[in-house]
Amino acid sequence: MIHPSYVELMKAINNDVELGEEPVVNSRYSIVIAAAKRARQIIDGAEPLVANPKCNKPLSIAVEELYRGDVKIVSDDEQEDKAE
């Protein structure tokens, strides 16, 4: 069994969303894509944001970072706004 579960992970990521706002993550697919991108960054040499990860595998570290809120998921629109 995967820990944290998708449901727990979605709750943790969307916990700062106020009532009436659209959640950051709407599906499992979004979580999988975000975790995979972060895992690739770690594989390519990015420093993990978790001091003592429970597991040394890049994907496990990425999921733990998402769960703790160390890594934020931003939409393409937000990313374009920051670039301008």
N, C-alpha and C. Protein backbone atom coordinates (compact mmCIF):
# COMPACT_ATOMS: atom_id res chain seq x y z
N MET A 1 0.84 -1.19 0.00
CA MET A 1 0.00 0.00 0.00
C MET A 1 0.88 1.24 0.00
N ILE A 2 0.48 2.21 -0.78
CA ILE A 2 1.22 3.46 -0.88
C ILE A 2 0.86 4.35 0.31
N HIS A 3 1.88 4.92 0.94
CA HIS A 3 1.62 5.86 2.03
C HIS A 3 2.36 7.14 1.74
N PRO A 4 1.77 8.26 1.76
CA PRO A 4 0.35 8.50 2.02
C PRO A 4 -0.49 8.10 0.81
N SER A 5 -1.75 7.82 1.07
CA SER A 5 -2.66 7.44 -0.02
C SER A 5 -2.95 8.68 -0.88
N TYR A 6 -3.52 8.44 -2.05
CA TYR A 6 -3.87 9.55 -2.94
C TYR A 6 -4.83 10.52 -2.24
N VAL A 7 -5.77 9.97 -1.49
CA VAL A 7 -6.77 10.81 -0.82
C VAL A 7 -6.09 11.71 0.21
N GLU A 8 -5.18 11.14 1.02
CA GLU A 8 -4.45 11.92 2.02
C GLU A 8 -3.58 12.98 1.36
N LEU A 9 -2.95 12.61 0.27
CA LEU A 9 -2.07 13.54 -0.44
C LEU A 9 -2.88 14.69 -1.06
N MET A 10 -4.04 14.38 -1.62
CA MET A 10 -4.89 15.42 -2.19
C MET A 10 -5.38 16.37 -1.10
N LYS A 11 -5.73 15.84 0.06
CA LYS A 11 -6.17 16.70 1.18
C LYS A 11 -5.04 17.61 1.64
N ALA A 12 -3.83 17.07 1.73
CA ALA A 12 -2.68 17.86 2.18
C ALA A 12 -2.35 18.97 1.19
N ILE A 13 -2.41 18.68 -0.08
CA ILE A 13 -2.09 19.67 -1.11
C ILE A 13 -3.17 20.75 -1.18
N ASN A 14 -4.42 20.35 -1.02
CA ASN A 14 -5.54 21.29 -1.15
C ASN A 14 -5.96 21.91 0.18
N ASN A 15 -5.21 21.73 1.24
CA ASN A 15 -5.65 22.19 2.56
C ASN A 15 -5.68 23.71 2.69
N ASP A 16 -4.91 24.44 1.89
CA ASP A 16 -4.90 25.91 1.97
C ASP A 16 -5.96 26.56 1.09
N VAL A 17 -6.72 25.77 0.35
CA VAL A 17 -7.73 26.30 -0.55
C VAL A 17 -8.96 26.68 0.26
N GLU A 18 -9.42 27.91 0.05
CA GLU A 18 -10.60 28.38 0.77
C GLU A 18 -11.87 27.93 0.07
N LEU A 19 -12.95 27.95 0.82
CA LEU A 19 -14.24 27.53 0.31
C LEU A 19 -14.63 28.38 -0.91
N GLY A 20 -15.02 27.73 -1.98
CA GLY A 20 -15.41 28.44 -3.19
C GLY A 20 -14.30 28.52 -4.22
N GLU A 21 -13.06 28.35 -3.81
CA GLU A 21 -11.94 28.37 -4.75
C GLU A 21 -11.78 26.99 -5.38
N GLU A 22 -11.17 26.99 -6.55
CA GLU A 22 -10.90 25.72 -7.21
C GLU A 22 -9.70 25.05 -6.55
N PRO A 23 -9.80 23.74 -6.27
CA PRO A 23 -8.67 23.05 -5.64
C PRO A 23 -7.44 23.04 -6.53
N VAL A 24 -6.28 22.95 -5.90
CA VAL A 24 -5.02 22.90 -6.63
C VAL A 24 -4.96 21.61 -7.44
N VAL A 25 -5.36 20.51 -6.82
CA VAL A 25 -5.31 19.20 -7.46
C VAL A 25 -6.73 18.65 -7.55
N ASN A 26 -7.12 18.27 -8.75
CA ASN A 26 -8.46 17.71 -8.96
C ASN A 26 -8.45 16.21 -9.17
N SER A 27 -7.30 15.64 -9.47
CA SER A 27 -7.27 14.22 -9.81
C SER A 27 -5.95 13.58 -9.41
N ARG A 28 -5.97 12.27 -9.42
CA ARG A 28 -4.75 11.51 -9.13
C ARG A 28 -3.69 11.78 -10.19
N TYR A 29 -4.15 11.97 -11.41
CA TYR A 29 -3.23 12.23 -12.52
C TYR A 29 -2.34 13.44 -12.22
N SER A 30 -2.91 14.50 -11.68
CA SER A 30 -2.15 15.71 -11.35
C SER A 30 -1.06 15.41 -10.32
N ILE A 31 -1.40 14.58 -9.34
CA ILE A 31 -0.42 14.21 -8.31
C ILE A 31 0.70 13.38 -8.92
N VAL A 32 0.34 12.43 -9.77
CA VAL A 32 1.34 11.57 -10.41
C VAL A 32 2.30 12.40 -11.26
N ILE A 33 1.78 13.34 -12.03
CA ILE A 33 2.62 14.19 -12.88
C ILE A 33 3.54 15.04 -12.02
N ALA A 34 3.01 15.66 -10.97
CA ALA A 34 3.82 16.52 -10.10
C ALA A 34 4.92 15.72 -9.41
N ALA A 35 4.58 14.54 -8.91
CA ALA A 35 5.58 13.71 -8.22
C ALA A 35 6.65 13.24 -9.21
N ALA A 36 6.25 12.87 -10.41
CA ALA A 36 7.21 12.41 -11.42
C ALA A 36 8.17 13.53 -11.81
N LYS A 37 7.64 14.75 -12.00
CA LYS A 37 8.51 15.88 -12.35
C LYS A 37 9.51 16.17 -11.25
N ARG A 38 9.04 16.16 -10.00
CA ARG A 38 9.95 16.43 -8.88
C ARG A 38 10.98 15.31 -8.75
N ALA A 39 10.56 14.06 -8.95
CA ALA A 39 11.50 12.93 -8.87
C ALA A 39 12.59 13.06 -9.94
N ARG A 40 12.21 13.51 -11.14
CA ARG A 40 13.22 13.73 -12.20
C ARG A 40 14.21 14.82 -11.80
N GLN A 41 13.71 15.86 -11.15
CA GLN A 41 14.61 16.92 -10.67
C GLN A 41 15.61 16.36 -9.66
N ILE A 42 15.14 15.51 -8.77
CA ILE A 42 16.02 14.92 -7.76
C ILE A 42 17.04 14.00 -8.43
N ILE A 43 16.60 13.22 -9.40
CA ILE A 43 17.52 12.33 -10.13
C ILE A 43 18.59 13.15 -10.84
N ASP A 44 18.20 14.31 -11.38
CA ASP A 44 19.13 15.17 -12.11
C ASP A 44 20.05 15.97 -11.19
N GLY A 45 19.92 15.79 -9.88
CA GLY A 45 20.86 16.43 -8.96
C GLY A 45 20.29 17.47 -8.03
N ALA A 46 18.98 17.74 -8.09
CA ALA A 46 18.38 18.71 -7.17
C ALA A 46 18.46 18.17 -5.75
N GLU A 47 18.68 19.07 -4.82
CA GLU A 47 18.79 18.69 -3.42
C GLU A 47 17.39 18.39 -2.86
N PRO A 48 17.20 17.24 -2.21
CA PRO A 48 15.90 16.95 -1.59
C PRO A 48 15.60 17.96 -0.49
N LEU A 49 14.32 18.33 -0.35
CA LEU A 49 13.90 19.29 0.65
C LEU A 49 13.53 18.63 1.97
N VAL A 50 13.63 17.32 2.02
CA VAL A 50 13.35 16.55 3.24
C VAL A 50 14.68 16.20 3.88
N ALA A 51 14.84 16.56 5.15
CA ALA A 51 16.12 16.36 5.83
C ALA A 51 16.47 14.88 5.96
N ASN A 52 15.59 14.09 6.50
CA ASN A 52 15.83 12.66 6.68
C ASN A 52 14.71 11.88 6.03
N PRO A 53 14.81 11.64 4.72
CA PRO A 53 13.71 10.93 4.05
C PRO A 53 13.57 9.51 4.57
N LYS A 54 12.32 9.02 4.58
CA LYS A 54 12.06 7.65 5.04
C LYS A 54 12.64 6.63 4.09
N CYS A 55 12.77 7.01 2.83
CA CYS A 55 13.29 6.13 1.79
C CYS A 55 14.20 6.97 0.89
N ASN A 56 15.21 6.38 0.33
CA ASN A 56 16.15 7.12 -0.50
C ASN A 56 15.79 7.12 -1.98
N LYS A 57 14.64 6.57 -2.33
CA LYS A 57 14.23 6.55 -3.73
C LYS A 57 13.66 7.92 -4.11
N PRO A 58 14.03 8.43 -5.29
CA PRO A 58 13.59 9.77 -5.70
C PRO A 58 12.07 9.97 -5.69
N LEU A 59 11.31 8.99 -6.14
CA LEU A 59 9.86 9.14 -6.17
C LEU A 59 9.29 9.21 -4.76
N SER A 60 9.80 8.41 -3.86
CA SER A 60 9.34 8.44 -2.47
C SER A 60 9.66 9.77 -1.82
N ILE A 61 10.82 10.31 -2.11
CA ILE A 61 11.20 11.62 -1.59
C ILE A 61 10.27 12.69 -2.14
N ALA A 62 9.97 12.63 -3.44
CA ALA A 62 9.08 13.61 -4.07
C ALA A 62 7.68 13.57 -3.46
N VAL A 63 7.15 12.38 -3.22
CA VAL A 63 5.82 12.25 -2.61
C VAL A 63 5.84 12.80 -1.20
N GLU A 64 6.89 12.53 -0.44
CA GLU A 64 7.01 13.05 0.92
C GLU A 64 7.08 14.58 0.92
N GLU A 65 7.80 15.15 -0.04
CA GLU A 65 7.89 16.61 -0.15
C GLU A 65 6.51 17.21 -0.45
N LEU A 66 5.77 16.59 -1.35
CA LEU A 66 4.42 17.07 -1.67
C LEU A 66 3.51 16.98 -0.45
N TYR A 67 3.59 15.88 0.27
CA TYR A 67 2.73 15.67 1.44
C TYR A 67 3.02 16.69 2.54
N ARG A 68 4.28 17.00 2.74
CA ARG A 68 4.67 17.95 3.79
C ARG A 68 4.43 19.41 3.37
N GLY A 69 4.22 19.64 2.09
CA GLY A 69 4.00 20.99 1.61
C GLY A 69 5.29 21.72 1.28
N ASP A 70 6.40 20.99 1.19
CA ASP A 70 7.68 21.61 0.84
C ASP A 70 7.73 22.00 -0.63
N VAL A 71 6.97 21.29 -1.46
CA VAL A 71 6.89 21.56 -2.89
C VAL A 71 5.45 21.93 -3.21
N LYS A 72 5.26 23.00 -3.95
CA LYS A 72 3.92 23.45 -4.31
C LYS A 72 3.65 23.14 -5.78
N ILE A 73 2.42 22.78 -6.08
CA ILE A 73 1.99 22.54 -7.45
C ILE A 73 1.37 23.83 -7.96
N VAL A 74 1.88 24.32 -9.09
CA VAL A 74 1.33 25.54 -9.70
C VAL A 74 0.81 25.19 -11.08
N SER A 75 -0.24 25.88 -11.47
CA SER A 75 -0.82 25.65 -12.80
C SER A 75 0.05 26.33 -13.85
N ASP A 76 -0.18 25.99 -15.10
CA ASP A 76 0.55 26.61 -16.20
C ASP A 76 0.30 28.11 -16.24
N ASP A 77 -0.93 28.53 -15.93
CA ASP A 77 -1.27 29.95 -15.93
C ASP A 77 -0.46 30.71 -14.87
N GLU A 78 -0.36 30.13 -13.67
CA GLU A 78 0.42 30.77 -12.61
C GLU A 78 1.89 30.85 -12.98
N GLN A 79 2.37 29.81 -13.64
CA GLN A 79 3.77 29.79 -14.05
C GLN A 79 4.06 30.87 -15.08
N GLU A 80 3.13 31.08 -16.02
CA GLU A 80 3.29 32.13 -17.03
C GLU A 80 3.24 33.52 -16.39
N ASP A 81 2.37 33.70 -15.40
CA ASP A 81 2.27 34.99 -14.70
C ASP A 81 3.57 35.33 -13.99
N LYS A 82 4.21 34.32 -13.40
CA LYS A 82 5.49 34.56 -12.71
C LYS A 82 6.60 34.89 -13.69
N ALA A 83 6.53 34.33 -14.89
CA ALA A 83 7.55 34.57 -15.90
C ALA A 83 7.49 35.99 -16.42
N GLU A 84 6.32 36.59 -16.42
CA GLU A 84 6.16 37.96 -16.95
C GLU A 84 6.62 38.93 -15.96
